[in-house]
Amino acid sequence: MNEKNMALAEGLVSARYIKQATDARRKREGLVTTLLSQRRLPKEGWDDNQIQLLLRDLALMDSNNFVDNVGVGEREGACTAGWSR
């Protein structure tokens, strides 16, 4: 969650919990920043959650996963093309 959403979440859970969650999120984001800036695998391996977070973030960058986007590619075009019948 971004900072604004974390602040809004304080209406649902305690501010102390939000602070802990924000700190944990920043730590995980820092690991990704280090990976990308150094362009090499870390000496100490990541836990499953860290790997999944990175993969989810990368997958969200794929235009097929954009909100309100309908991807039309080669397969979809072949369904309507006369040559595919």
Protein backbone atom coordinates (compact mmCIF):
# COMPACT_ATOMS: atom_id res chain seq x y z
CA MET A 1 0.00 0.00 0.00
CA ASN A 2 1.10 3.53 -0.58
CA GLU A 3 1.41 6.10 2.22
CA LYS A 4 -2.07 7.53 1.65
CA ASN A 5 -3.72 4.12 1.90
CA MET A 6 -1.71 3.29 5.00
CA ALA A 7 -2.93 6.49 6.63
CA LEU A 8 -6.52 5.65 5.71
CA ALA A 9 -6.08 2.16 7.16
CA GLU A 10 -5.46 3.74 10.55
CA GLY A 11 -9.24 4.06 10.76
CA LEU A 12 -9.45 0.27 10.71
CA VAL A 13 -6.50 -0.85 12.82
CA SER A 14 -4.22 0.78 15.36
CA ALA A 15 -1.63 3.33 14.32
CA ARG A 16 1.07 1.18 15.93
CA TYR A 17 0.19 -1.72 13.62
CA ILE A 18 0.21 0.59 10.58
CA LYS A 19 3.67 1.85 11.58
CA GLN A 20 4.99 -1.70 11.84
CA ALA A 21 3.44 -2.64 8.50
CA THR A 22 4.87 0.48 6.84
CA ASP A 23 8.33 -0.25 8.20
CA ALA A 24 8.14 -3.86 6.99
CA ARG A 25 7.00 -2.75 3.54
CA ARG A 26 9.82 -0.21 3.28
CA LYS A 27 12.34 -2.90 4.25
CA ARG A 28 11.05 -5.22 1.50
CA GLU A 29 11.05 -2.39 -1.05
CA GLY A 30 14.63 -1.60 -0.02
CA LEU A 31 15.66 -5.16 -0.86
CA VAL A 32 14.20 -4.77 -4.35
CA THR A 33 15.93 -1.40 -4.75
CA THR A 34 19.25 -3.00 -3.80
CA LEU A 35 18.70 -5.86 -6.25
CA LEU A 36 17.89 -3.52 -9.12
CA SER A 37 20.63 -0.99 -8.40
CA GLN A 38 23.38 -3.58 -7.91
CA ARG A 39 22.08 -5.82 -10.72
CA ARG A 40 23.13 -8.96 -8.90
CA LEU A 41 21.59 -11.50 -6.58
CA PRO A 42 21.89 -10.76 -2.87
CA LYS A 43 24.43 -12.71 -0.82
CA GLU A 44 21.68 -13.71 1.59
CA GLY A 45 18.67 -15.40 0.00
CA TRP A 46 15.17 -13.98 0.15
CA ASP A 47 12.20 -15.59 1.82
CA ASP A 48 9.23 -16.76 -0.25
CA ASN A 49 7.19 -13.64 0.50
CA GLN A 50 9.94 -11.36 -0.81
CA ILE A 51 10.26 -13.34 -4.03
CA GLN A 52 6.50 -13.38 -4.52
CA LEU A 53 6.31 -9.63 -3.91
CA LEU A 54 8.92 -8.99 -6.58
CA LEU A 55 7.23 -11.31 -9.07
CA ARG A 56 3.79 -9.76 -8.42
CA ASP A 57 5.19 -6.26 -8.91
CA LEU A 58 6.89 -7.29 -12.14
CA ALA A 59 3.72 -9.00 -13.38
CA LEU A 60 1.71 -5.84 -12.71
CA MET A 61 4.02 -4.00 -15.10
CA ASP A 62 2.77 -6.22 -17.95
CA SER A 63 0.23 -4.32 -20.05
CA ASN A 64 -2.05 -7.38 -20.02
CA ASN A 65 -2.53 -6.75 -16.30
CA PHE A 66 -3.29 -3.02 -16.44
CA VAL A 67 -6.60 -2.01 -14.87
CA ASP A 68 -9.24 -1.08 -17.50
CA ASN A 69 -7.06 -2.42 -20.30
CA VAL A 70 -8.23 -5.03 -22.75
CA GLY A 71 -5.30 -6.57 -24.52
CA VAL A 72 -5.78 -7.68 -28.08
CA GLY A 73 -2.93 -9.65 -29.48
CA GLU A 74 -2.06 -12.20 -32.08
CA ARG A 75 -4.33 -14.93 -30.74
CA GLU A 76 -7.33 -12.64 -30.44
CA GLY A 77 -6.76 -11.29 -33.94
CA ALA A 78 -6.56 -14.79 -35.39
CA CYS A 79 -10.07 -15.56 -34.11
CA THR A 80 -11.57 -12.83 -36.25
CA ALA A 81 -9.26 -13.06 -39.26
CA GLY A 82 -10.56 -14.79 -42.37
CA TRP A 83 -7.35 -16.79 -42.85
CA SER A 84 -7.85 -18.59 -39.55
CA ARG A 85 -11.16 -20.18 -40.53
